[in-house]
Protein backbone atom coordinates (compact mmCIF):
# COMPACT_ATOMS: atom_id res chain seq x y z
CA UNK A 1 55.03 55.55 41.99
CA UNK A 2 56.18 56.22 45.55
CA UNK A 3 59.71 57.01 44.31
CA UNK A 4 58.31 59.41 41.71
CA UNK A 5 56.23 61.21 44.35
CA UNK A 6 59.23 61.54 46.66
CA UNK A 7 61.35 62.81 43.77
CA UNK A 8 58.73 65.41 42.84
CA UNK A 9 58.40 66.56 46.46
CA UNK A 10 62.14 66.88 46.85
CA UNK A 11 62.44 68.73 43.55
CA UNK A 12 59.63 71.11 44.53
CA UNK A 13 61.24 71.80 47.90
CA UNK A 14 64.62 72.51 46.28
CA UNK A 15 62.99 74.73 43.65
CA UNK A 16 61.16 76.66 46.37
CA UNK A 17 64.33 77.11 48.40
CA UNK A 18 66.20 78.19 45.29
CA UNK A 19 63.45 80.64 44.41
CA UNK A 20 63.57 82.19 47.88
CA UNK A 21 67.35 82.42 47.67
CA UNK A 22 67.09 84.13 44.29
CA UNK A 23 64.42 86.50 45.59
CA UNK A 24 66.56 87.40 48.61
CA UNK A 25 69.29 88.69 46.27
CA UNK A 26 67.37 89.89 43.22
CA UNK A 27 63.97 90.80 44.67
CA UNK A 28 64.55 91.70 48.34
CA UNK A 29 61.11 93.31 48.67
CA UNK A 30 59.41 90.07 47.67
CA UNK A 31 61.60 88.02 50.00
CA UNK A 32 60.98 90.40 52.88
CA UNK A 33 57.20 90.32 52.36
CA UNK A 34 57.06 86.52 52.14
CA UNK A 35 59.69 85.48 54.69
CA UNK A 36 61.44 88.30 56.45
CA UNK A 37 58.41 90.21 57.70
CA UNK A 38 56.57 87.27 59.35
CA UNK A 39 59.80 86.00 60.96
CA UNK A 40 60.83 89.43 62.27
CA UNK A 41 57.33 90.22 63.51
CA UNK A 42 57.23 86.96 65.43
CA UNK A 43 60.72 87.43 66.86
CA UNK A 44 59.84 90.97 67.93
CA UNK A 45 56.59 89.86 69.62
CA UNK A 46 58.20 87.00 71.53
CA UNK A 47 61.39 88.72 72.66
CA UNK A 48 60.24 92.34 73.06
CA UNK A 49 60.15 92.53 76.87
CA UNK A 50 63.39 90.62 77.44
CA UNK A 51 65.21 92.60 74.72
CA UNK A 52 64.15 95.92 76.20
CA UNK A 53 65.25 94.72 79.63
CA UNK A 54 68.76 93.62 78.63
CA UNK A 55 69.22 96.80 76.55
CA UNK A 56 68.47 98.95 79.61
CA UNK A 57 65.27 100.38 78.14
CA UNK A 58 63.00 99.64 81.10
CA UNK A 59 62.13 101.61 84.24
CA UNK A 60 60.93 100.64 87.68
CA UNK A 61 57.11 100.73 88.00
CA UNK A 62 55.37 103.33 90.13
CA UNK A 63 54.72 102.50 93.77
CA UNK A 64 50.98 102.10 93.15
CA UNK A 65 51.53 99.72 90.24
CA UNK A 66 54.10 97.74 92.21
CA UNK A 67 51.70 97.46 95.19
CA UNK A 68 48.82 96.25 93.00
CA UNK A 69 51.03 93.75 91.16
CA UNK A 70 52.52 92.34 94.36
CA UNK A 71 49.45 92.27 96.63
CA UNK A 72 46.45 92.03 94.32
CA UNK A 73 47.69 90.18 91.24
CA UNK A 74 50.14 88.15 93.33
CA UNK A 75 52.81 88.40 90.67
CA UNK A 76 56.46 89.35 90.56
CA UNK A 77 57.09 93.07 90.04
CA UNK A 78 58.99 93.48 86.75
CA UNK A 79 60.57 96.56 85.16
CA UNK A 80 58.31 98.41 82.71
CA UNK A 81 59.34 98.68 79.02
CA UNK A 82 57.86 101.19 76.55
CA UNK A 83 54.27 100.22 75.75
CA UNK A 84 53.66 98.99 72.21
CA UNK A 85 50.81 101.00 70.71
CA UNK A 86 50.94 99.87 67.10
CA UNK A 87 52.87 97.44 64.89
CA UNK A 88 52.74 97.89 61.14
CA UNK A 89 54.55 96.00 58.40
CA UNK A 90 55.79 97.74 55.25
CA UNK A 91 57.43 96.61 52.01
CA UNK A 92 60.83 97.48 53.46
CA UNK A 93 60.55 96.84 57.20
CA UNK A 94 58.52 97.07 60.37
CA UNK A 95 57.16 100.20 62.08
CA UNK A 96 56.42 100.10 65.80
CA UNK A 97 54.85 102.99 67.72
CA UNK A 98 55.94 103.08 71.38
CA UNK A 99 54.63 105.04 74.36
CA UNK A 100 57.59 105.93 76.56
CA UNK A 101 57.23 105.45 80.33
CA UNK A 102 58.33 108.20 82.70
CA UNK A 103 62.10 108.16 82.92
CA UNK A 104 62.89 107.28 79.29
CA UNK A 105 63.53 109.65 76.41
CA UNK A 106 64.02 109.11 72.64
CA UNK A 107 67.78 109.52 73.04
CA UNK A 108 67.88 106.37 75.18
CA UNK A 109 66.44 104.31 72.35
CA UNK A 110 68.70 105.99 69.80
CA UNK A 111 71.75 105.02 71.84
CA UNK A 112 70.57 101.39 71.88
CA UNK A 113 69.62 101.18 68.18
CA UNK A 114 72.60 98.98 67.26
CA UNK A 115 71.79 96.52 70.06
CA UNK A 116 68.15 96.38 68.96
CA UNK A 117 69.22 95.79 65.36
CA UNK A 118 71.26 92.74 66.28
CA UNK A 119 68.66 91.44 68.73
CA UNK A 120 65.91 91.34 66.09
CA UNK A 121 68.13 90.49 63.12
CA UNK A 122 67.25 93.44 60.90
CA UNK A 123 69.42 95.61 58.67
CA UNK A 124 68.95 98.85 60.59
CA UNK A 125 66.89 100.44 63.37
CA UNK A 126 66.17 104.17 63.50
CA UNK A 127 64.16 106.12 66.03
CA UNK A 128 61.85 109.03 65.18
CA UNK A 129 59.94 111.10 67.73
CA UNK A 130 56.35 111.51 66.55
CA UNK A 131 55.02 113.59 69.45
CA UNK A 132 55.92 114.13 73.12
CA UNK A 133 56.06 110.76 74.83
CA UNK A 134 55.78 108.74 71.61
CA UNK A 135 58.44 107.40 69.27
CA UNK A 136 58.37 105.28 66.13
CA UNK A 137 60.79 102.39 65.88
CA UNK A 138 61.63 102.00 62.20
CA UNK A 139 63.19 98.63 61.42
CA UNK A 140 64.51 98.04 57.90
CA UNK A 141 64.61 94.41 56.90
CA UNK A 142 67.23 94.64 54.15
CA UNK A 143 69.66 97.10 52.59
CA UNK A 144 67.27 99.45 50.77
CA UNK A 145 70.20 101.63 49.63
CA UNK A 146 71.68 98.81 47.55
CA UNK A 147 69.15 99.46 44.78
CA UNK A 148 67.63 102.88 45.20
CA UNK A 149 64.00 103.27 44.23
CA UNK A 150 62.08 106.28 45.51
CA UNK A 151 58.54 105.69 46.83
CA UNK A 152 55.86 106.28 44.19
CA UNK A 153 54.21 108.95 46.30
CA UNK A 154 57.42 111.03 46.37
CA UNK A 155 56.74 113.89 43.96
CA UNK A 156 57.91 117.54 43.83
CA UNK A 157 55.30 119.79 45.40
CA UNK A 158 55.24 123.38 46.66
CA UNK A 159 58.86 123.95 47.63
CA UNK A 160 59.70 120.35 48.49
CA UNK A 161 61.75 118.05 46.26
CA UNK A 162 62.37 114.34 46.98
CA UNK A 163 66.06 113.85 46.23
CA UNK A 164 67.19 110.57 47.75
CA UNK A 165 66.15 107.50 49.74
CA UNK A 166 66.74 107.23 53.48
CA UNK A 167 68.10 104.12 55.13
CA UNK A 168 64.67 103.48 56.68
CA UNK A 169 62.99 103.32 53.26
CA UNK A 170 61.39 106.78 53.30
CA UNK A 171 62.16 109.59 50.86
CA UNK A 172 64.68 112.27 51.80
CA UNK A 173 62.94 115.51 50.88
CA UNK A 174 64.62 118.86 50.34
CA UNK A 175 62.10 121.32 51.84
CA UNK A 176 63.20 124.90 51.21
CA UNK A 177 60.67 126.42 53.58
CA UNK A 178 61.95 124.34 56.51
CA UNK A 179 65.65 124.27 55.58
CA UNK A 180 66.23 127.26 53.27
CA UNK A 181 70.03 127.15 53.00
CA UNK A 182 72.10 123.99 52.52
CA UNK A 183 75.66 122.79 51.95
CA UNK A 184 76.62 119.63 50.04
CA UNK A 185 80.15 118.25 50.35
CA UNK A 186 81.87 115.29 48.73
CA UNK A 187 85.02 114.10 47.02
CA UNK A 188 85.33 113.47 43.29
CA UNK A 189 83.14 110.58 42.07
CA UNK A 190 81.24 110.49 45.38
CA UNK A 191 77.86 111.24 43.80
CA UNK A 192 77.69 114.95 44.53
CA UNK A 193 76.88 115.84 40.92
CA UNK A 194 74.15 113.18 40.74
CA UNK A 195 72.62 114.63 43.91
CA UNK A 196 72.53 118.05 42.24
CA UNK A 197 71.02 116.56 39.09
CA UNK A 198 68.15 115.04 41.07
CA UNK A 199 67.63 118.38 42.77
CA UNK A 200 67.49 120.30 39.48
CA UNK A 201 65.23 117.64 37.95
CA UNK A 202 62.72 118.18 40.75
CA UNK A 203 63.02 121.96 40.91
CA UNK A 204 62.56 122.25 37.14
CA UNK A 205 58.96 121.06 37.54
CA UNK A 206 58.12 123.80 40.06
CA UNK A 207 57.33 127.49 39.40
CA UNK A 208 60.62 128.79 40.79
CA UNK A 209 63.51 130.77 39.32
CA UNK A 210 66.72 128.73 39.06
CA UNK A 211 70.03 130.60 39.16
CA UNK A 212 73.23 128.71 38.34
CA UNK A 213 76.78 129.61 39.41
CA UNK A 214 79.22 127.18 37.83
CA UNK A 215 82.76 128.52 37.71
CA UNK A 216 84.06 125.37 36.02
CA UNK A 217 83.19 127.13 32.77
CA UNK A 218 79.67 125.78 33.01
CA UNK A 219 80.53 122.13 32.35
CA UNK A 220 77.87 120.97 34.82
CA UNK A 221 75.06 123.48 34.54
CA UNK A 222 75.25 124.81 30.99
CA UNK A 223 73.22 121.85 29.70
CA UNK A 224 70.31 122.93 31.93
CA UNK A 225 70.15 126.38 30.32
CA UNK A 226 66.54 126.01 29.04
CA UNK A 227 65.25 126.04 32.63
CA UNK A 228 67.72 128.51 34.16
CA UNK A 229 66.85 132.16 34.69
CA UNK A 230 70.55 133.01 35.00
CA UNK A 231 73.89 131.25 34.59
CA UNK A 232 77.39 132.57 35.23
CA UNK A 233 80.60 130.67 34.62
CA UNK A 234 83.35 133.02 35.89
CA UNK A 235 84.01 134.59 39.31
CA UNK A 236 83.69 138.10 37.84
CA UNK A 237 80.22 137.39 36.47
CA UNK A 238 79.31 135.64 39.72
CA UNK A 239 80.14 138.80 41.68
CA UNK A 240 77.86 140.87 39.41
CA UNK A 241 75.04 138.32 39.63
CA UNK A 242 75.22 138.14 43.43
CA UNK A 243 75.04 141.94 43.61
CA UNK A 244 71.81 141.77 41.57
CA UNK A 245 70.40 139.13 43.90
CA UNK A 246 71.23 141.25 46.96
CA UNK A 247 69.47 144.21 45.32
CA UNK A 248 66.46 141.97 44.60
CA UNK A 249 66.46 140.85 48.25
CA UNK A 250 66.42 144.45 49.45
CA UNK A 251 63.61 145.29 47.01
CA UNK A 252 61.55 142.41 48.37
CA UNK A 253 62.17 143.56 51.93
CA UNK A 254 60.80 146.99 50.93
CA UNK A 255 57.68 145.20 49.63
CA UNK A 256 57.28 143.29 52.91
CA UNK A 257 57.74 146.48 54.91
CA UNK A 258 55.16 148.35 52.84
CA UNK A 259 52.64 145.55 53.36
CA UNK A 260 53.37 145.14 57.06
CA UNK A 261 54.38 141.47 56.87
CA UNK A 262 57.63 139.62 57.66
CA UNK A 263 57.56 136.82 55.09
CA UNK A 264 56.60 136.56 51.41
CA UNK A 265 54.18 133.74 52.23
CA UNK A 266 52.07 136.25 54.17
CA UNK A 267 51.58 138.38 51.05
CA UNK A 268 48.47 138.11 48.87
CA UNK A 269 48.97 135.58 46.10
CA UNK A 270 48.89 138.21 43.39
CA UNK A 271 51.79 140.14 44.96
CA UNK A 272 53.97 137.24 46.06
CA UNK A 273 57.33 137.22 44.23
CA UNK A 274 58.49 133.95 42.70
CA UNK A 275 60.96 131.96 44.85
CA UNK A 276 64.58 131.89 43.70
CA UNK A 277 66.96 128.94 44.21
CA UNK A 278 70.66 129.74 43.75
CA UNK A 279 72.74 126.67 42.81
CA UNK A 280 76.47 127.12 43.47
CA UNK A 281 78.38 124.20 41.94
CA UNK A 282 81.92 124.62 43.35
CA UNK A 283 82.02 127.21 46.10
CA UNK A 284 85.83 127.12 46.47
CA UNK A 285 86.20 128.77 43.05
CA UNK A 286 84.44 131.85 44.43
CA UNK A 287 86.78 132.12 47.41
CA UNK A 288 90.19 131.37 45.91
CA UNK A 289 92.20 134.16 44.30
CA UNK A 290 95.36 134.05 42.18
CA UNK A 291 96.58 137.61 42.67
CA UNK A 292 96.11 140.59 44.96
CA UNK A 293 93.95 142.40 42.41
CA UNK A 294 91.26 139.70 42.86
CA UNK A 295 90.81 140.45 46.56
CA UNK A 296 88.15 143.10 45.96
CA UNK A 297 86.09 140.73 43.83
CA UNK A 298 86.39 137.99 46.45
CA UNK A 299 85.24 140.43 49.15
CA UNK A 300 82.16 141.32 47.10
CA UNK A 301 81.28 137.67 46.53
CA UNK A 302 81.75 136.61 50.16
CA UNK A 303 79.80 139.57 51.52
CA UNK A 304 76.92 138.98 49.12
CA UNK A 305 76.74 135.25 49.91
CA UNK A 306 76.76 135.86 53.66
CA UNK A 307 74.03 138.49 53.38
CA UNK A 308 71.86 136.19 51.29
CA UNK A 309 72.42 133.26 53.68
CA UNK A 310 71.56 135.37 56.73
CA UNK A 311 68.48 137.22 55.51
CA UNK A 312 67.14 135.99 52.16
CA UNK A 313 64.94 133.18 53.54
CA UNK A 314 62.14 135.60 54.42
CA UNK A 315 61.99 136.92 50.86
CA UNK A 316 62.08 133.54 49.13
CA UNK A 317 65.72 133.39 47.99
CA UNK A 318 67.45 130.12 48.86
CA UNK A 319 71.06 128.90 48.58
CA UNK A 320 72.20 125.43 47.55
CA UNK A 321 76.00 125.37 47.89
CA UNK A 322 78.20 122.46 46.72
CA UNK A 323 81.91 121.83 47.13
CA UNK A 324 84.64 119.31 47.90
CA UNK A 325 85.85 121.10 51.03
CA UNK A 326 84.55 124.18 52.78
CA UNK A 327 86.54 125.33 55.78
CA UNK A 328 88.68 128.13 57.16
CA UNK A 329 91.46 127.39 54.64
CA UNK A 330 89.31 129.16 52.03
CA UNK A 331 89.90 132.38 53.89
CA UNK A 332 87.92 135.07 55.63
CA UNK A 333 84.16 134.59 55.65
CA UNK A 334 84.07 130.86 54.82
CA UNK A 335 83.30 129.69 58.35
CA UNK A 336 80.74 132.45 58.83
CA UNK A 337 78.92 131.46 55.63
CA UNK A 338 79.00 127.77 56.51
CA UNK A 339 77.34 128.48 59.85
CA UNK A 340 74.31 129.90 57.99
CA UNK A 341 73.87 126.81 55.80
CA UNK A 342 71.78 124.70 58.16
CA UNK A 343 71.05 121.77 55.86
CA UNK A 344 74.08 119.49 55.41
CA UNK A 345 74.66 116.58 53.03
CA UNK A 346 78.11 114.95 53.16
CA UNK A 347 79.07 112.28 50.60
CA UNK A 348 82.23 110.19 50.71
CA UNK A 349 85.17 112.39 51.67
CA UNK A 350 88.93 111.97 51.56
CA UNK A 351 89.63 112.87 55.18
CA UNK A 352 87.92 113.14 58.52
CA UNK A 353 88.40 116.91 58.67
CA UNK A 354 86.09 117.41 55.66
CA UNK A 355 83.36 115.35 57.33
CA UNK A 356 83.78 117.46 60.47
CA UNK A 357 83.45 120.64 58.41
CA UNK A 358 80.05 119.54 57.21
CA UNK A 359 78.62 117.75 60.23
CA UNK A 360 80.47 118.42 63.49
CA UNK A 361 78.62 121.66 64.28
CA UNK A 362 75.11 120.29 63.57
CA UNK A 363 75.25 116.51 64.17
CA UNK A 364 78.54 115.41 65.76
CA UNK A 365 77.48 111.75 65.95
CA UNK A 366 77.16 111.64 62.16
CA UNK A 367 80.85 112.36 61.49
CA UNK A 368 81.88 108.73 61.98
CA UNK A 369 79.13 107.48 59.64
CA UNK A 370 80.28 109.87 56.90
CA UNK A 371 83.83 108.56 57.18
CA UNK A 372 82.68 104.97 56.61
CA UNK A 373 80.94 105.49 53.24
CA UNK A 374 82.53 103.00 50.79
CA UNK A 375 83.85 104.14 47.41
CA UNK A 376 81.81 101.46 45.60
CA UNK A 377 78.60 103.10 46.80
CA UNK A 378 78.48 106.41 44.87
CA UNK A 379 75.55 108.61 45.81
CA UNK A 380 75.57 107.51 49.45
CA UNK A 381 75.69 110.38 51.92
CA UNK A 382 74.85 111.49 55.43
CA UNK A 383 72.17 114.19 55.69
CA UNK A 384 71.76 116.35 58.78
CA UNK A 385 70.41 119.71 59.90
CA UNK A 386 70.53 122.02 62.90
CA UNK A 387 67.97 119.89 64.78
CA UNK A 388 70.74 117.40 65.54
CA UNK A 389 69.07 114.54 63.67
CA UNK A 390 70.79 112.74 60.80
CA UNK A 391 70.21 109.87 58.39
CA UNK A 392 72.11 107.89 55.81
CA UNK A 393 70.73 108.47 52.30
CA UNK A 394 71.50 107.46 48.73
CA UNK A 395 70.59 109.30 45.55
CA UNK A 396 69.13 107.29 42.64
CA UNK A 397 71.31 107.41 39.56
CA UNK A 398 70.05 110.03 37.14
CA UNK A 399 71.79 110.66 33.85
CA UNK A 400 72.52 114.11 32.56
CA UNK A 401 70.33 113.49 29.51
CA UNK A 402 67.32 112.80 31.75
CA UNK A 403 67.73 116.13 33.52
CA UNK A 404 68.26 117.99 30.24
CA UNK A 405 65.04 116.48 28.88
CA UNK A 406 63.09 117.64 31.96
CA UNK A 407 64.61 121.14 31.71
CA UNK A 408 63.52 121.38 28.08
CA UNK A 409 60.05 120.06 28.85
CA UNK A 410 59.46 122.66 31.57
CA UNK A 411 61.32 125.55 29.94
CA UNK A 412 58.02 127.46 29.79
CA UNK A 413 58.13 127.77 33.60
CA UNK A 414 61.11 130.15 33.49
CA UNK A 415 59.67 133.30 35.11
CA UNK A 416 59.80 136.77 33.66
CA UNK A 417 62.64 138.25 35.72
CA UNK A 418 64.03 141.43 34.08
CA UNK A 419 66.82 141.91 36.63
CA UNK A 420 68.35 138.60 35.58
CA UNK A 421 68.08 139.14 31.82
CA UNK A 422 71.79 140.13 31.43
CA UNK A 423 72.72 136.70 32.84
CA UNK A 424 70.16 134.63 30.94
CA UNK A 425 71.96 131.73 29.21
CA UNK A 426 71.62 131.10 25.50
CA UNK A 427 68.68 128.80 24.77
CA UNK A 428 68.35 126.92 21.45
CA UNK A 429 65.51 128.09 19.21
CA UNK A 430 63.60 124.80 19.48
CA UNK A 431 63.01 125.30 23.22
CA UNK A 432 59.69 126.98 24.18
CA UNK A 433 60.01 130.58 25.32
CA UNK A 434 59.39 131.61 28.89
CA UNK A 435 55.95 132.80 29.84
CA UNK A 436 55.52 132.89 33.62
CA UNK A 437 54.96 136.20 35.38
CA UNK A 438 57.43 137.24 38.08
CA UNK A 439 54.62 137.46 40.63
CA UNK A 440 52.89 134.24 39.67
CA UNK A 441 51.72 132.71 42.96
CA UNK A 442 53.05 129.42 44.24
CA UNK A 443 50.63 127.13 46.09
CA UNK A 444 51.27 127.21 49.82
CA UNK A 445 51.77 123.74 51.32
CA UNK A 446 52.28 123.39 55.03
């Protein structure tokens, strides 16, 4: 009987260990919640002060505090680390709110993030400033980008679209009111098209006008025709469409001037024009020319794009530009246009110069990270903006058929936009007709 009991205990222990090992690989969230979180929380609590000290994240106490500690408390005066205000566990990691002492800034913790990651044995550590004097230490317990699953609360709303998952487990959201113009770069098979699919899938559910420019004869965007207000597939048609959009921009500026406001979101809901998102699939095709007679067309396209990028934000026209490379080799105007595209997403690239084109002017520290994206991780990218912050993201795989189904389902949201009628793509008869007014209001979400 004793042998049987020992055998059962040993078998149960091995089965439990095997189950945890299986969960660590196949169900990392479960493993983290059962094992990783308690262990990391305990390690953090025990070693916090010493870790901060060896990482150079402490400051000398004030003279008053040092005097009280030495003469009243009769204790040794120790350097002061950031004060822990709150510790919170999540399904992907650990969140710690810190109050910074005088003499430390968020950049100091950002510079030490790799040392903190190794000290506490977590997959990654990122720092986010929540308000002056406070930062949030976001520790991720495992590689959340290995199997991308967006948080359930991430839903398209207003002018925000969740597109990918950040390395810290939060959703990467494309907010057109905060970052109106954006550039996406990446080599072939890097996941750039999947990123655009997720973007269109989210935008299709919102009351916005979608305008497609796909000079690869429409191979990418033609399938989304039921939800597009306009689609052009040649540089000549693109030049004509951009001229119409510039005229629409000027018309909206006249409306703002007549009403005495500087932004369409200040207009009464009944007069607010519908937002327009322009999706450019391969921007190089608009810049390259094969003969001298094409120079005039190229000049029209470049001028129109620059004007839209510089001024169209206030009137609700936004640019989403994609390409493999986008630098001065494309010719006059390319660098000037790129400078206006403040949002940057760079997937795996073939050379360091392409990563620098996308990131060096907004987040120089992110260039190295973009160059280290492995080929076996399609959809992985580095996202940055003019604030200087950046994050590693990965887009969930979305098939073309899924996006087409969403575009058909929400085809009724295509707004009534007479100026774009000449460019309206052919829509099969079984798709519902459009029925949204051009001035239908969009809920304002701050």
